[in-house]
Protein backbone atom coordinates (compact mmCIF):
# COMPACT_ATOMS: atom_id res chain seq x y z
CA MET A 1 178.35 -0.96 -46.34
CA THR A 2 175.84 -0.22 -43.54
CA ARG A 3 172.15 0.12 -44.11
CA THR A 4 172.53 3.92 -43.54
CA ASN A 5 175.22 4.31 -46.05
CA LEU A 6 173.46 2.13 -48.46
CA GLY A 7 170.43 4.35 -48.29
CA LEU A 8 172.42 7.55 -48.72
CA VAL A 9 174.01 5.91 -51.98
CA ILE A 10 170.68 4.92 -53.23
CA ALA A 11 169.20 8.50 -52.49
CA GLY A 12 172.34 10.09 -54.11
CA LEU A 13 171.78 7.90 -57.26
CA LEU A 14 168.11 8.84 -57.43
CA ILE A 15 168.94 12.50 -56.97
CA GLY A 16 171.59 12.41 -59.70
CA ALA A 17 169.38 10.44 -61.99
CA GLY A 18 166.49 12.77 -61.36
CA LEU A 19 168.68 15.94 -62.23
CA GLY A 20 170.09 14.18 -65.22
CA ALA A 21 166.67 13.34 -66.49
CA VAL A 22 165.59 17.03 -66.24
CA ALA A 23 168.67 18.05 -68.27
CA PHE A 24 167.98 15.23 -70.70
CA LEU A 25 164.32 16.22 -71.22
CA SER A 26 165.20 19.80 -71.56
CA THR A 27 168.12 19.63 -73.95
CA GLY A 28 167.96 16.03 -75.37
CA GLN A 29 171.24 15.06 -73.83
CA PRO A 30 172.62 14.55 -70.07
CA ASN A 31 173.84 17.46 -68.27
CA TYR A 32 176.18 17.33 -65.20
CA GLY A 33 177.80 20.75 -64.89
CA GLN A 34 179.30 20.85 -68.35
CA THR A 35 176.27 22.54 -70.17
CA GLN A 36 173.61 24.83 -69.04
CA VAL A 37 170.05 23.59 -68.21
CA SER A 38 167.43 24.99 -70.47
CA GLY A 39 163.67 25.01 -69.61
CA VAL A 40 162.42 25.02 -66.01
CA ALA A 41 163.71 22.51 -63.61
CA SER A 42 161.87 21.61 -60.49
CA VAL A 43 164.69 22.47 -58.29
CA GLY A 44 164.71 25.43 -55.94
CA GLY A 45 161.92 27.85 -55.18
CA PRO A 46 160.95 30.16 -52.43
CA PHE A 47 162.45 29.86 -48.85
CA SER A 48 162.65 31.90 -45.61
CA LEU A 49 165.79 31.54 -43.64
CA VAL A 50 168.05 33.17 -41.24
CA ASP A 51 171.62 34.07 -42.17
CA GLN A 52 174.79 34.14 -40.03
CA THR A 53 174.10 37.67 -38.96
CA GLY A 54 170.53 36.80 -37.62
CA LYS A 55 168.77 38.55 -40.44
CA ARG A 56 165.87 36.77 -42.01
CA VAL A 57 166.32 36.40 -46.05
CA THR A 58 164.30 34.81 -48.75
CA GLU A 59 165.10 33.86 -52.31
CA LYS A 60 164.04 37.38 -53.31
CA ASP A 61 167.13 38.79 -51.59
CA PHE A 62 169.28 36.99 -54.14
CA LEU A 63 167.39 37.83 -57.34
CA GLY A 64 169.70 39.62 -59.72
CA ARG A 65 172.83 37.62 -58.61
CA ASP A 66 173.81 33.90 -59.38
CA MET A 67 174.03 31.70 -56.31
CA LEU A 68 176.17 28.59 -55.82
CA VAL A 69 174.24 26.68 -53.16
CA PHE A 70 175.62 23.74 -51.12
CA PHE A 71 173.85 21.89 -48.33
CA GLY A 72 175.68 20.45 -45.21
CA TYR A 73 176.24 20.93 -41.49
CA THR A 74 179.06 22.37 -39.50
CA ASN A 75 179.83 19.17 -37.79
CA CYS A 76 180.16 17.21 -40.85
CA PRO A 77 183.69 15.47 -40.93
CA ASP A 78 184.60 15.50 -44.46
CA VAL A 79 182.26 16.26 -47.35
CA CYS A 80 181.17 19.51 -46.27
CA PRO A 81 184.51 21.41 -45.54
CA ALA A 82 185.98 19.66 -48.56
CA GLY A 83 183.14 20.92 -50.72
CA LEU A 84 183.26 24.48 -49.30
CA GLN A 85 187.10 24.42 -49.84
CA VAL A 86 186.69 23.48 -53.36
CA MET A 87 183.88 26.19 -53.70
CA THR A 88 186.18 28.80 -52.32
CA ALA A 89 189.06 27.86 -54.32
CA ALA A 90 186.90 27.88 -57.58
CA LEU A 91 185.49 31.33 -57.06
CA GLU A 92 188.99 32.69 -56.32
CA LYS A 93 190.29 31.14 -59.42
CA LEU A 94 187.57 32.83 -61.56
CA GLY A 95 188.36 36.26 -59.76
CA ASN A 96 186.33 39.28 -60.94
CA ARG A 97 184.48 36.87 -63.32
CA ALA A 98 182.62 35.43 -60.19
CA ASP A 99 182.04 38.87 -58.44
CA ASN A 100 178.24 38.46 -58.94
CA VAL A 101 178.10 34.90 -57.67
CA VAL A 102 176.96 34.48 -54.02
CA PRO A 103 178.13 31.29 -52.35
CA VAL A 104 175.62 29.98 -49.97
CA PHE A 105 175.75 27.21 -47.41
CA ILE A 106 172.41 25.93 -46.05
CA THR A 107 172.66 23.75 -42.92
CA LEU A 108 170.80 20.43 -42.61
CA ASP A 109 171.30 20.51 -38.77
CA PRO A 110 169.34 23.50 -37.63
CA GLY A 111 169.02 22.44 -33.99
CA HIS A 112 172.81 22.78 -33.64
CA ASP A 113 173.71 25.38 -36.34
CA THR A 114 172.61 28.65 -35.03
CA PRO A 115 173.44 31.87 -36.82
CA GLU A 116 176.39 32.24 -34.39
CA MET A 117 177.57 28.87 -35.01
CA LEU A 118 177.54 29.41 -38.90
CA ALA A 119 179.23 32.65 -38.62
CA THR A 120 182.13 30.96 -36.90
CA TYR A 121 182.12 28.23 -39.37
CA ILE A 122 182.05 29.95 -42.62
CA ALA A 123 184.64 32.31 -41.62
CA SER A 124 187.13 29.87 -42.60
CA PHE A 125 185.99 29.73 -46.25
CA HIS A 126 185.07 32.45 -48.77
CA PRO A 127 184.53 35.88 -47.54
CA ARG A 128 181.18 36.19 -49.40
CA LEU A 129 179.92 32.79 -48.27
CA VAL A 130 176.43 33.20 -46.74
CA GLY A 131 175.37 30.75 -44.15
CA LEU A 132 171.58 29.95 -43.71
CA THR A 133 169.52 28.24 -40.95
CA GLY A 134 166.10 28.15 -39.81
CA THR A 135 163.48 25.95 -37.80
CA GLU A 136 163.38 22.39 -38.65
CA SER A 137 160.37 22.88 -40.97
CA GLU A 138 161.89 25.59 -42.95
CA ILE A 139 165.09 23.48 -43.35
CA SER A 140 162.86 20.49 -44.36
CA ALA A 141 161.14 22.76 -46.86
CA VAL A 142 164.19 24.21 -48.45
CA ALA A 143 165.77 20.69 -48.63
CA LYS A 144 162.64 19.30 -50.28
CA ALA A 145 162.61 22.23 -52.90
CA TYR A 146 166.29 21.34 -53.74
CA ARG A 147 165.61 17.63 -53.90
CA VAL A 148 168.24 17.31 -51.06
CA TYR A 149 168.20 13.96 -49.29
CA TYR A 150 169.23 14.20 -45.36
CA GLN A 151 168.68 12.08 -42.39
CA LYS A 152 169.94 12.51 -38.72
CA VAL A 153 171.70 9.20 -37.72
CA ALA A 154 172.10 8.51 -33.88
CA ASP A 155 175.35 7.02 -32.52
CA GLU A 156 174.13 3.70 -31.01
CA LYS A 157 176.76 3.81 -28.04
CA HIS A 158 176.13 7.57 -27.42
CA PRO A 159 172.46 8.45 -28.33
CA GLU A 160 173.06 12.06 -27.61
CA ARG A 161 175.59 12.20 -30.49
CA TYR A 162 174.71 11.93 -34.13
CA THR A 163 175.74 12.69 -37.72
CA VAL A 164 173.69 13.82 -40.77
CA ASP A 165 173.62 11.64 -43.82
CA HIS A 166 173.07 13.84 -46.79
CA SER A 167 173.37 14.11 -50.63
CA ALA A 168 176.06 16.59 -51.82
CA ILE A 169 175.58 18.74 -54.98
CA PHE A 170 176.51 22.14 -55.98
CA TYR A 171 173.43 24.00 -57.29
CA PHE A 172 174.10 26.97 -59.54
CA MET A 173 171.15 29.17 -59.70
CA GLY A 174 170.71 31.96 -62.12
CA LYS A 175 169.86 35.48 -61.49
CA ASP A 176 166.20 34.57 -61.92
CA GLY A 177 166.64 32.13 -59.12
CA LYS A 178 166.17 29.19 -61.44
CA LEU A 179 168.47 26.07 -61.63
CA ARG A 180 171.19 26.52 -64.25
CA THR A 181 173.07 23.50 -63.64
CA PRO A 182 173.79 21.02 -60.97
CA ILE A 183 177.45 20.14 -60.38
CA PRO A 184 178.75 16.94 -58.55
CA HIS A 185 180.49 17.60 -55.25
CA THR A 186 183.13 15.35 -56.40
CA THR A 187 184.17 17.94 -59.08
CA ASP A 188 187.69 19.41 -58.54
CA VAL A 189 188.52 23.08 -58.31
CA ALA A 190 189.45 23.39 -62.07
CA GLU A 191 186.16 21.68 -63.19
CA LEU A 192 184.10 23.67 -60.81
CA ALA A 193 185.54 26.96 -62.05
CA ALA A 194 185.03 26.02 -65.61
CA SER A 195 181.17 24.86 -64.76
CA ILE A 196 180.51 28.14 -63.01
CA ASP A 197 182.20 30.18 -65.83
CA LYS A 198 180.05 28.56 -68.44
CA ALA A 199 176.84 29.03 -66.18
CA ILE A 200 177.38 32.81 -65.65
CA GLU A 201 175.24 34.83 -67.94
């Protein structure tokens, strides 16, 4: 395992442990997508980003609707497209039950992922999927608010090329903008659909 991958694993474990601790302290038992989080978890919050149409949006634009948030980047070779495919299939499985759930993909590579790039990328997934980007500082702020780990890793042989190591979790945010439940990205379609169905108010 490379040093970078080891760091990613450790960061992922810390994030998972932190979210588990939030659920444990709130409910008295662990929570990883099977039950709803009660109390106020310190995940999420205010943000100001730009969607795939070039429109600036904030968290207030989503109030009154549930959000299923996933972080990644368009050049991600595996985890991101796989996660978005599972998200799409789970929402389709739920049908009308999920009509008020807005799937949201927030890039961790704003230097590359322009609104136009996001528009092209997300067209391959759910028709309601919203892609969000922004400045480096805006993305850093929203990643921090959601406790998302990410780090750009340069290719040693080709410095102009890079990948982005990042944690991968589905965040189900309630109509009030607060975290309802974190769901591991390794969840399959049926499990994700069940978790979403349970979290919908």
